[in-house]
Amino acid sequence: MVTVESAVAFDPFATDIPVYRDNGEMYVADTCAPLRTAGARGEVGLWAYGRGTYPGEPMDPDFLPQLKNAGHWEVASPQDWGLGWHRNEGIEITCVRAGSLPFSCAGEEFDLSAGSLTITRPWQLHRVGRPNIGASTLTWLILDVGVRRPNQEWEWPTWLPLPESDLRRLTELLSHNEAPVWKASKPMLSAMDTLQRTLKHEVSQPMARIATSVAEVFIELGDLLESQSPVLDPYLSSTERTVRLFLESLIERVHEPWTADTMADACGLGRTRFAHYCRQLVNVSPMEYLGRVRVDRAKQLLRETDYKVTDIAFLCGFQSSQYFATVFRKQTGRSPAQYRLEGPVAV
């Protein structure tokens, strides 16, 4: 059993390093702190191997590159904590082996039970708990396939013993379909059980067996998805959707010093192409849209906090309170102070 370390929420439009964002409602501070506390009190059994910010015993840098985390927890009674909204660096697969868990993904809520399987991609915001979790046994793994946004090319690790054709099909099944919850097949449950026993050191040569266990999970995942004949939508991995997701995420990152070029870079596009998609989706230029989002965020802070106007200006990415006031008045017809005093105008 290992001590749980703190984890951070991953931003799929940032760099390859997981970056915690606490400027918006999408992320929750120190998501794993309650789990760590419960583990320290002996209320949760946890067996895991992890890299970076993920919980578990550290893995050798050369061992199974791209495997970020593999873990198993056993919770004997309802808890007073949950895992808040977050994203991961790779494809996360979890399997409930006993008990039940509340799970939410992309605005949908699910009640997971024994045999439930979840699949989340790096851009899918999800949480475990509503807000707390119940008695449950959960096994999971996170594999980094080199994607942070939907339109990137997937890069499977060379140590996965799957033919190139199978990997191409698995990529299609996972990128053109984003259903987060499935019913695990018997072979998938067997694969997850093998991973569980490996993590708990119930078999010999655990490090060697992790590789075969993870490979078995992905082999069975391909069969499971094929057997369900999911509706595949190429739009889900399109450039337009990538830009749409980025624009939706700006509310969380308004404080950053964005330019048209850096916004385009975040989507892996040139400035002209990014501007084309931006105007197609929101009917304004990238910088005009950024200005709207910054003012919308400022309105929220003016309504819901007692921060000084100057502080709100910087929190929303404006370089000076004077410029903030000018832009705010242009969009709303009032000064920030007036808006705070009078509130939104009834429509």
Protein backbone atom coordinates (compact mmCIF):
# COMPACT_ATOMS: atom_id res chain seq x y z
CA MET A 1 0.00 0.00 0.00
CA VAL A 2 1.31 3.45 -0.85
CA THR A 3 0.69 6.96 0.35
CA VAL A 4 -1.43 9.03 -2.01
CA GLU A 5 0.27 12.12 -3.38
CA SER A 6 -1.48 15.29 -4.47
CA ALA A 7 -2.61 15.52 -8.10
CA VAL A 8 -3.26 18.51 -10.34
CA ALA A 9 -5.84 19.12 -13.03
CA PHE A 10 -4.47 18.87 -16.54
CA ASP A 11 -5.14 21.54 -19.15
CA PRO A 12 -5.29 19.93 -22.61
CA PHE A 13 -4.56 23.24 -24.35
CA ALA A 14 -1.48 24.02 -22.28
CA THR A 15 1.99 22.49 -22.59
CA ASP A 16 2.77 18.82 -22.06
CA ILE A 17 3.31 19.52 -18.35
CA PRO A 18 0.16 19.23 -16.23
CA VAL A 19 -0.82 22.75 -15.16
CA TYR A 20 -3.24 23.48 -12.35
CA ARG A 21 -5.75 26.26 -13.01
CA ASP A 22 -7.76 27.78 -10.19
CA ASN A 23 -9.10 30.86 -11.95
CA GLY A 24 -12.37 29.21 -12.97
CA GLU A 25 -15.01 26.85 -11.70
CA MET A 26 -13.79 24.00 -13.87
CA TYR A 27 -11.01 22.91 -11.50
CA VAL A 28 -10.96 22.13 -7.81
CA ALA A 29 -7.94 22.94 -5.64
CA ASP A 30 -5.84 19.94 -4.54
CA THR A 31 -8.27 17.35 -5.91
CA CYS A 32 -6.53 14.38 -4.24
CA ALA A 33 -6.01 15.94 -0.81
CA PRO A 34 -9.11 14.25 0.70
CA LEU A 35 -8.03 10.89 -0.70
CA ARG A 36 -4.54 11.35 0.70
CA THR A 37 -5.98 12.18 4.11
CA ALA A 38 -8.29 9.16 4.01
CA GLY A 39 -5.36 6.97 3.03
CA ALA A 40 -3.26 8.30 5.88
CA ARG A 41 -6.10 7.46 8.29
CA GLY A 42 -6.31 3.94 6.90
CA GLU A 43 -9.84 4.48 5.58
CA VAL A 44 -8.83 3.73 1.99
CA GLY A 45 -6.68 0.95 0.60
CA LEU A 46 -4.59 2.13 -2.36
CA TRP A 47 -2.08 0.26 -4.52
CA ALA A 48 -0.59 2.19 -7.43
CA TYR A 49 2.37 3.08 -9.62
CA GLY A 50 2.59 6.61 -10.99
CA ARG A 51 4.64 9.30 -12.68
CA GLY A 52 4.78 13.02 -12.07
CA THR A 53 1.80 14.23 -10.06
CA TYR A 54 -0.08 10.93 -10.19
CA PRO A 55 -0.35 8.82 -7.03
CA GLY A 56 1.69 5.69 -6.41
CA GLU A 57 5.15 4.23 -6.20
CA PRO A 58 7.44 5.95 -8.74
CA MET A 59 8.31 4.02 -11.90
CA ASP A 60 11.74 3.86 -13.53
CA PRO A 61 11.93 6.47 -16.34
CA ASP A 62 12.67 3.77 -18.91
CA PHE A 63 9.87 1.46 -17.76
CA LEU A 64 6.73 1.59 -19.92
CA PRO A 65 7.09 5.18 -21.15
CA GLN A 66 3.72 6.88 -21.66
CA LEU A 67 2.09 4.91 -18.83
CA LYS A 68 1.27 7.71 -16.40
CA ASN A 69 -0.62 5.85 -13.71
CA ALA A 70 -2.02 2.43 -12.85
CA GLY A 71 -3.86 2.03 -9.58
CA HIS A 72 -6.45 0.26 -7.49
CA TRP A 73 -8.46 1.47 -4.50
CA GLU A 74 -10.67 -0.31 -2.01
CA VAL A 75 -13.11 1.81 -0.01
CA ALA A 76 -15.06 -0.13 2.61
CA SER A 77 -17.59 2.54 3.61
CA PRO A 78 -19.09 5.79 2.26
CA GLN A 79 -16.61 8.68 2.38
CA ASP A 80 -16.95 12.39 2.96
CA TRP A 81 -14.74 13.29 -0.03
CA GLY A 82 -14.69 12.92 -3.82
CA LEU A 83 -12.41 13.64 -6.77
CA GLY A 84 -13.39 17.02 -8.16
CA TRP A 85 -13.57 18.16 -11.77
CA HIS A 86 -10.35 17.38 -13.61
CA ARG A 87 -8.75 16.20 -16.83
CA ASN A 88 -5.85 13.82 -17.37
CA GLU A 89 -2.78 13.72 -19.57
CA GLY A 90 -3.89 10.61 -21.41
CA ILE A 91 -6.64 8.10 -22.00
CA GLU A 92 -8.03 7.08 -18.60
CA ILE A 93 -9.80 3.75 -18.23
CA THR A 94 -11.44 2.85 -14.92
CA CYS A 95 -13.43 -0.20 -13.91
CA VAL A 96 -15.70 -0.54 -10.88
CA ARG A 97 -15.28 -4.04 -9.49
CA ALA A 98 -17.61 -3.72 -6.49
CA GLY A 99 -19.89 -1.16 -4.86
CA SER A 100 -21.08 2.01 -6.58
CA LEU A 101 -19.66 5.38 -7.60
CA PRO A 102 -21.26 8.64 -8.75
CA PHE A 103 -19.49 9.78 -11.93
CA SER A 104 -19.92 12.87 -14.10
CA CYS A 105 -18.46 13.68 -17.50
CA ALA A 106 -19.09 16.60 -19.85
CA GLY A 107 -22.27 17.63 -18.07
CA GLU A 108 -23.77 14.13 -17.80
CA GLU A 109 -24.19 12.26 -14.52
CA PHE A 110 -23.92 8.51 -14.10
CA ASP A 111 -24.29 6.06 -11.24
CA LEU A 112 -21.59 3.45 -11.76
CA SER A 113 -22.02 -0.05 -10.38
CA ALA A 114 -20.00 -3.26 -10.43
CA GLY A 115 -18.88 -3.89 -14.00
CA SER A 116 -19.08 -0.26 -15.12
CA LEU A 117 -16.20 0.90 -17.31
CA THR A 118 -15.33 4.55 -17.94
CA ILE A 119 -13.20 5.95 -20.76
CA THR A 120 -12.16 9.62 -20.75
CA ARG A 121 -9.98 11.52 -23.20
CA PRO A 122 -7.64 14.41 -22.20
CA TRP A 123 -10.17 17.07 -23.16
CA GLN A 124 -13.09 15.49 -21.30
CA LEU A 125 -13.76 17.12 -17.96
CA HIS A 126 -14.93 14.59 -15.37
CA ARG A 127 -15.26 13.92 -11.65
CA VAL A 128 -15.84 11.00 -9.29
CA GLY A 129 -18.31 11.75 -6.50
CA ARG A 130 -21.42 13.91 -6.21
CA PRO A 131 -19.63 15.31 -4.36
CA ASN A 132 -18.69 12.29 -2.19
CA ILE A 133 -17.98 8.66 -3.06
CA GLY A 134 -19.48 5.46 -1.69
CA ALA A 135 -18.05 2.08 -0.77
CA SER A 136 -16.32 0.83 -3.89
CA THR A 137 -13.47 -1.06 -5.48
CA LEU A 138 -11.91 0.71 -8.47
CA THR A 139 -9.05 -0.18 -10.81
CA TRP A 140 -7.68 2.31 -13.35
CA LEU A 141 -4.89 3.23 -15.72
CA ILE A 142 -3.86 6.37 -17.61
CA LEU A 143 -1.93 6.02 -20.87
CA ASP A 144 -0.48 9.06 -22.62
CA VAL A 145 -0.99 8.69 -26.38
CA GLY A 146 0.48 12.09 -27.22
CA VAL A 147 -2.79 13.97 -27.69
CA ARG A 148 -3.99 17.02 -25.81
CA ARG A 149 -6.68 18.14 -28.24
CA PRO A 150 -9.00 16.22 -30.56
CA ASN A 151 -7.27 17.00 -33.87
CA GLN A 152 -3.83 15.69 -32.91
CA GLU A 153 -2.35 12.44 -34.19
CA TRP A 154 -2.32 9.62 -31.65
CA GLU A 155 1.05 8.08 -30.76
CA TRP A 156 0.70 4.66 -29.14
CA PRO A 157 3.65 3.32 -27.11
CA THR A 158 5.90 0.91 -28.98
CA TRP A 159 5.69 -1.61 -26.13
CA LEU A 160 2.00 -2.32 -26.77
CA PRO A 161 1.96 -5.64 -28.70
CA LEU A 162 -0.86 -4.67 -31.06
CA PRO A 163 -0.55 -4.68 -34.87
CA GLU A 164 -0.53 -1.27 -36.53
CA SER A 165 -3.91 -1.98 -38.13
CA ASP A 166 -5.44 -2.75 -34.74
CA LEU A 167 -4.02 0.44 -33.26
CA ARG A 168 -5.44 2.50 -36.13
CA ARG A 169 -8.85 0.98 -35.54
CA LEU A 170 -8.62 1.50 -31.79
CA THR A 171 -7.69 5.13 -32.39
CA GLU A 172 -10.76 5.54 -34.60
CA LEU A 173 -13.03 3.88 -32.05
CA LEU A 174 -11.73 6.13 -29.25
CA SER A 175 -11.43 9.43 -31.13
CA HIS A 176 -14.64 9.32 -33.18
CA ASN A 177 -16.72 8.22 -30.21
CA GLU A 178 -16.63 9.88 -26.79
CA ALA A 179 -19.19 7.90 -24.82
CA PRO A 180 -17.70 7.89 -21.31
CA VAL A 181 -19.48 4.91 -19.70
CA TRP A 182 -19.69 1.29 -20.89
CA LYS A 183 -20.52 -2.13 -19.49
CA ALA A 184 -17.35 -4.18 -19.22
CA SER A 185 -17.26 -7.54 -20.99
CA LYS A 186 -16.19 -10.69 -19.15
CA PRO A 187 -12.75 -10.65 -20.86
CA MET A 188 -12.34 -6.98 -19.87
CA LEU A 189 -13.25 -7.76 -16.26
CA SER A 190 -10.69 -10.57 -16.31
CA ALA A 191 -8.03 -8.18 -17.67
CA MET A 192 -8.82 -5.63 -14.97
CA ASP A 193 -8.71 -8.34 -12.30
CA THR A 194 -5.24 -9.33 -13.50
CA LEU A 195 -4.11 -5.70 -13.28
CA GLN A 196 -5.62 -5.47 -9.78
CA ARG A 197 -3.76 -8.56 -8.56
CA THR A 198 -0.56 -7.28 -10.10
CA LEU A 199 -0.85 -3.92 -8.37
CA LYS A 200 -1.52 -5.64 -5.04
CA HIS A 201 1.62 -7.78 -5.48
CA GLU A 202 -0.43 -10.98 -5.46
CA VAL A 203 1.57 -12.30 -8.43
CA SER A 204 5.29 -12.69 -9.05
CA GLN A 205 7.29 -10.21 -11.15
CA PRO A 206 4.75 -7.38 -10.76
CA MET A 207 6.65 -4.84 -12.87
CA ALA A 208 6.87 -7.21 -15.82
CA ARG A 209 3.22 -8.17 -15.46
CA ILE A 210 2.04 -4.57 -15.48
CA ALA A 211 3.06 -4.35 -19.14
CA THR A 212 1.12 -7.47 -20.09
CA SER A 213 -1.86 -6.43 -17.96
CA VAL A 214 -2.11 -3.00 -19.58
CA ALA A 215 -1.72 -4.53 -23.05
CA GLU A 216 -4.48 -7.00 -22.26
CA VAL A 217 -6.80 -4.18 -21.17
CA PHE A 218 -6.36 -2.37 -24.50
CA ILE A 219 -6.77 -5.56 -26.52
CA GLU A 220 -10.05 -6.26 -24.73
CA LEU A 221 -11.07 -2.62 -25.06
CA GLY A 222 -10.86 -2.87 -28.84
CA ASP A 223 -13.02 -6.00 -28.84
CA LEU A 224 -15.51 -4.44 -26.42
CA LEU A 225 -15.98 -1.30 -28.52
CA GLU A 226 -16.26 -3.27 -31.76
CA SER A 227 -18.93 -5.52 -30.25
CA GLN A 228 -21.05 -2.49 -29.35
CA SER A 229 -20.93 -1.03 -32.89
CA PRO A 230 -20.71 2.57 -31.62
CA VAL A 231 -21.78 5.41 -33.88
CA LEU A 232 -18.54 7.03 -35.03
CA ASP A 233 -18.46 10.76 -35.77
CA PRO A 234 -15.30 12.10 -37.50
CA TYR A 235 -16.29 15.61 -36.41
CA LEU A 236 -15.20 14.74 -32.87
CA SER A 237 -11.55 14.74 -33.98
CA SER A 238 -11.91 17.67 -36.39
CA THR A 239 -10.02 20.95 -36.35
CA GLU A 240 -13.27 22.89 -36.00
CA ARG A 241 -14.16 21.02 -32.83
CA THR A 242 -10.67 21.61 -31.44
CA VAL A 243 -11.14 25.36 -31.92
CA ARG A 244 -14.62 25.15 -30.38
CA LEU A 245 -13.28 23.41 -27.27
CA PHE A 246 -10.47 25.94 -26.99
CA LEU A 247 -12.84 28.89 -27.21
CA GLU A 248 -15.04 27.30 -24.54
CA SER A 249 -11.99 26.85 -22.28
CA LEU A 250 -10.92 30.50 -22.48
CA ILE A 251 -13.17 31.44 -19.55
CA GLU A 252 -10.81 29.40 -17.37
CA ARG A 253 -7.69 31.10 -18.72
CA VAL A 254 -8.60 34.74 -19.27
CA HIS A 255 -5.72 35.89 -17.08
CA GLU A 256 -3.12 34.61 -19.55
CA PRO A 257 -1.43 37.07 -21.97
CA TRP A 258 -3.14 35.77 -25.09
CA THR A 259 -2.42 37.00 -28.60
CA ALA A 260 -3.93 35.79 -31.86
CA ASP A 261 -0.75 33.82 -32.49
CA THR A 262 -0.64 32.08 -29.10
CA MET A 263 -4.31 31.15 -29.36
CA ALA A 264 -3.68 29.66 -32.79
CA ASP A 265 -0.64 27.79 -31.44
CA ALA A 266 -2.74 26.30 -28.63
CA CYS A 267 -4.91 24.69 -31.31
CA GLY A 268 -1.98 23.62 -33.47
CA LEU A 269 -3.00 25.99 -36.26
CA GLY A 270 -1.67 28.95 -38.17
CA ARG A 271 -3.06 32.36 -37.32
CA THR A 272 -5.12 32.74 -40.51
CA ARG A 273 -6.73 29.30 -40.27
CA PHE A 274 -7.50 29.75 -36.58
CA ALA A 275 -9.11 33.13 -37.28
CA HIS A 276 -11.22 31.52 -40.01
CA TYR A 277 -12.60 28.88 -37.66
CA CYS A 278 -13.09 31.42 -34.88
CA ARG A 279 -15.18 33.70 -37.06
CA GLN A 280 -17.10 30.69 -38.37
CA LEU A 281 -17.98 29.61 -34.84
CA VAL A 282 -18.54 32.90 -32.97
CA ASN A 283 -18.74 35.47 -35.80
CA VAL A 284 -15.97 37.70 -34.47
CA SER A 285 -12.18 37.78 -34.60
CA PRO A 286 -10.14 35.88 -31.97
CA MET A 287 -9.17 39.05 -30.09
CA GLU A 288 -12.73 40.37 -30.12
CA TYR A 289 -13.96 37.09 -28.69
CA LEU A 290 -11.23 37.13 -26.04
CA GLY A 291 -12.36 40.62 -25.03
CA ARG A 292 -15.94 39.38 -24.64
CA VAL A 293 -14.89 36.45 -22.51
CA ARG A 294 -12.71 38.63 -20.30
CA VAL A 295 -15.58 41.05 -19.68
CA ASP A 296 -17.95 38.15 -18.97
CA ARG A 297 -15.50 36.80 -16.40
CA ALA A 298 -15.14 40.28 -14.90
CA LYS A 299 -18.93 40.53 -14.57
CA GLN A 300 -18.96 37.25 -12.67
CA LEU A 301 -16.24 38.41 -10.28
CA LEU A 302 -17.94 41.76 -9.76
CA ARG A 303 -21.19 40.00 -8.85
CA GLU A 304 -19.81 37.16 -6.75
CA THR A 305 -16.72 38.52 -5.00
CA ASP A 306 -15.60 41.62 -3.16
CA TYR A 307 -12.27 41.82 -5.03
CA LYS A 308 -11.08 45.31 -5.84
CA VAL A 309 -11.75 46.45 -9.41
CA THR A 310 -8.00 46.71 -10.00
CA ASP A 311 -7.50 43.11 -8.91
CA ILE A 312 -10.33 41.93 -11.14
CA ALA A 313 -8.75 43.72 -14.08
CA PHE A 314 -5.52 41.74 -13.70
CA LEU A 315 -7.33 38.48 -12.94
CA CYS A 316 -9.12 38.87 -16.26
CA GLY A 317 -5.99 39.57 -18.28
CA PHE A 318 -6.16 43.34 -18.60
CA GLN A 319 -2.84 45.12 -18.29
CA SER A 320 -4.26 48.13 -16.45
CA SER A 321 -7.42 49.05 -14.60
CA GLN A 322 -7.87 52.04 -16.93
CA TYR A 323 -7.90 49.86 -20.04
CA PHE A 324 -10.20 47.40 -18.27
CA ALA A 325 -12.65 50.20 -17.45
CA THR A 326 -12.59 51.40 -21.08
CA VAL A 327 -13.29 47.97 -22.54
CA PHE A 328 -15.90 47.17 -19.88
CA ARG A 329 -17.80 50.42 -20.50
CA LYS A 330 -17.66 49.89 -24.27
CA GLN A 331 -19.28 46.46 -23.94
CA THR A 332 -21.76 47.15 -21.15
CA GLY A 333 -22.39 50.88 -21.22
CA ARG A 334 -21.38 51.14 -17.54
CA SER A 335 -18.24 51.29 -15.47
CA PRO A 336 -17.19 48.24 -13.43
CA ALA A 337 -18.17 50.07 -10.24
CA GLN A 338 -21.63 50.86 -11.61
CA TYR A 339 -22.13 47.27 -12.69
CA ARG A 340 -21.21 46.02 -9.24
CA LEU A 341 -23.64 48.45 -7.61
CA GLU A 342 -26.54 48.02 -10.04
CA GLY A 343 -26.13 44.40 -11.15
CA PRO A 344 -27.10 42.97 -14.55
CA VAL A 345 -29.72 44.82 -16.55
CA ALA A 346 -33.01 42.92 -16.70
CA VAL A 347 -33.96 41.84 -20.22
